C-alpha atoms as a PDB file:
ATOM      1  CA  UNK A   1     -84.741  61.971  37.783  1.00  0.00           C
ATOM      2  CA  UNK A   2     -85.265  58.333  38.540  1.00  0.00           C
ATOM      3  CA  UNK A   3     -87.217  56.009  36.303  1.00  0.00           C
ATOM      4  CA  UNK A   4     -89.969  55.694  38.917  1.00  0.00           C
ATOM      5  CA  UNK A   5     -90.343  59.467  39.252  1.00  0.00           C
ATOM      6  CA  UNK A   6     -90.456  59.870  35.487  1.00  0.00           C
ATOM      7  CA  UNK A   7     -93.104  57.167  35.129  1.00  0.00           C
ATOM      8  CA  UNK A   8     -95.245  58.520  37.956  1.00  0.00           C
ATOM      9  CA  UNK A   9     -95.106  62.117  36.747  1.00  0.00           C
ATOM     10  CA  UNK A  10     -95.828  61.083  33.190  1.00  0.00           C
ATOM     11  CA  UNK A  11     -98.793  58.954  34.290  1.00  0.00           C
ATOM     12  CA  UNK A  12    -100.321  61.813  36.287  1.00  0.00           C
ATOM     13  CA  UNK A  13     -99.707  64.293  33.488  1.00  0.00           C
ATOM     14  CA  UNK A  14    -101.198  62.113  30.783  1.00  0.00           C
ATOM     15  CA  UNK A  15    -104.265  61.317  32.890  1.00  0.00           C
ATOM     16  CA  UNK A  16    -104.713  65.036  33.563  1.00  0.00           C
ATOM     17  CA  UNK A  17    -104.665  65.623  29.812  1.00  0.00           C
ATOM     18  CA  UNK A  18    -107.480  63.118  29.401  1.00  0.00           C
ATOM     19  CA  UNK A  19    -105.621  60.107  28.020  1.00  0.00           C
ATOM     20  CA  UNK A  20    -107.263  56.735  28.777  1.00  0.00           C
ATOM     21  CA  UNK A  21    -105.850  54.823  31.762  1.00  0.00           C
ATOM     22  CA  UNK A  22    -104.431  51.929  29.761  1.00  0.00           C
ATOM     23  CA  UNK A  23    -102.702  54.192  27.229  1.00  0.00           C
ATOM     24  CA  UNK A  24    -101.232  56.490  29.891  1.00  0.00           C
ATOM     25  CA  UNK A  25     -99.999  53.469  31.839  1.00  0.00           C
ATOM     26  CA  UNK A  26     -98.382  51.966  28.784  1.00  0.00           C
ATOM     27  CA  UNK A  27     -96.633  55.171  27.780  1.00  0.00           C
ATOM     28  CA  UNK A  28     -95.447  55.807  31.352  1.00  0.00           C
ATOM     29  CA  UNK A  29     -94.168  52.242  31.736  1.00  0.00           C
ATOM     30  CA  UNK A  30     -92.308  52.361  28.425  1.00  0.00           C
ATOM     31  CA  UNK A  31     -90.723  55.706  29.293  1.00  0.00           C
ATOM     32  CA  UNK A  32     -89.571  54.416  32.685  1.00  0.00           C
ATOM     33  CA  UNK A  33     -88.215  51.235  31.119  1.00  0.00           C
ATOM     34  CA  UNK A  34     -86.400  53.219  28.430  1.00  0.00           C
ATOM     35  CA  UNK A  35     -84.759  55.468  31.029  1.00  0.00           C
ATOM     36  CA  UNK A  36     -83.712  52.484  33.149  1.00  0.00           C
ATOM     37  CA  UNK A  37     -82.421  50.557  30.140  1.00  0.00           C
ATOM     38  CA  UNK A  38     -80.446  53.604  29.012  1.00  0.00           C
ATOM     39  CA  UNK A  39     -78.963  53.954  32.483  1.00  0.00           C
ATOM     40  CA  UNK A  40     -77.859  50.331  32.474  1.00  0.00           C
ATOM     41  CA  UNK A  41     -76.469  50.371  28.940  1.00  0.00           C
ATOM     42  CA  UNK A  42     -74.824  53.804  29.058  1.00  0.00           C
ATOM     43  CA  UNK A  43     -73.803  53.816  32.727  1.00  0.00           C
ATOM     44  CA  UNK A  44     -75.921  56.842  33.656  1.00  0.00           C
ATOM     45  CA  UNK A  45     -76.225  57.493  37.386  1.00  0.00           C
ATOM     46  CA  UNK A  46     -77.323  60.199  39.749  1.00  0.00           C
ATOM     47  CA  UNK A  47     -74.480  62.046  41.480  1.00  0.00           C
ATOM     48  CA  UNK A  48     -73.411  60.447  44.752  1.00  0.00           C
ATOM     49  CA  UNK A  49     -73.805  62.304  48.026  1.00  0.00           C
ATOM     50  CA  UNK A  50     -70.493  63.462  49.470  1.00  0.00           C
ATOM     51  CA  UNK A  51     -69.894  64.665  52.978  1.00  0.00           C
END
């Protein structure tokens, strides 16, 4: 799952649960940033497509 997909899904889910816009946006942004930072620091990557 990419950071953008995680953030978007989390934003939609939190809004559906009734969380205020600003709080849902903050949580979603932090989660996406954390995933991206972890990928950079730990070298995580999605599997490459092979023919």
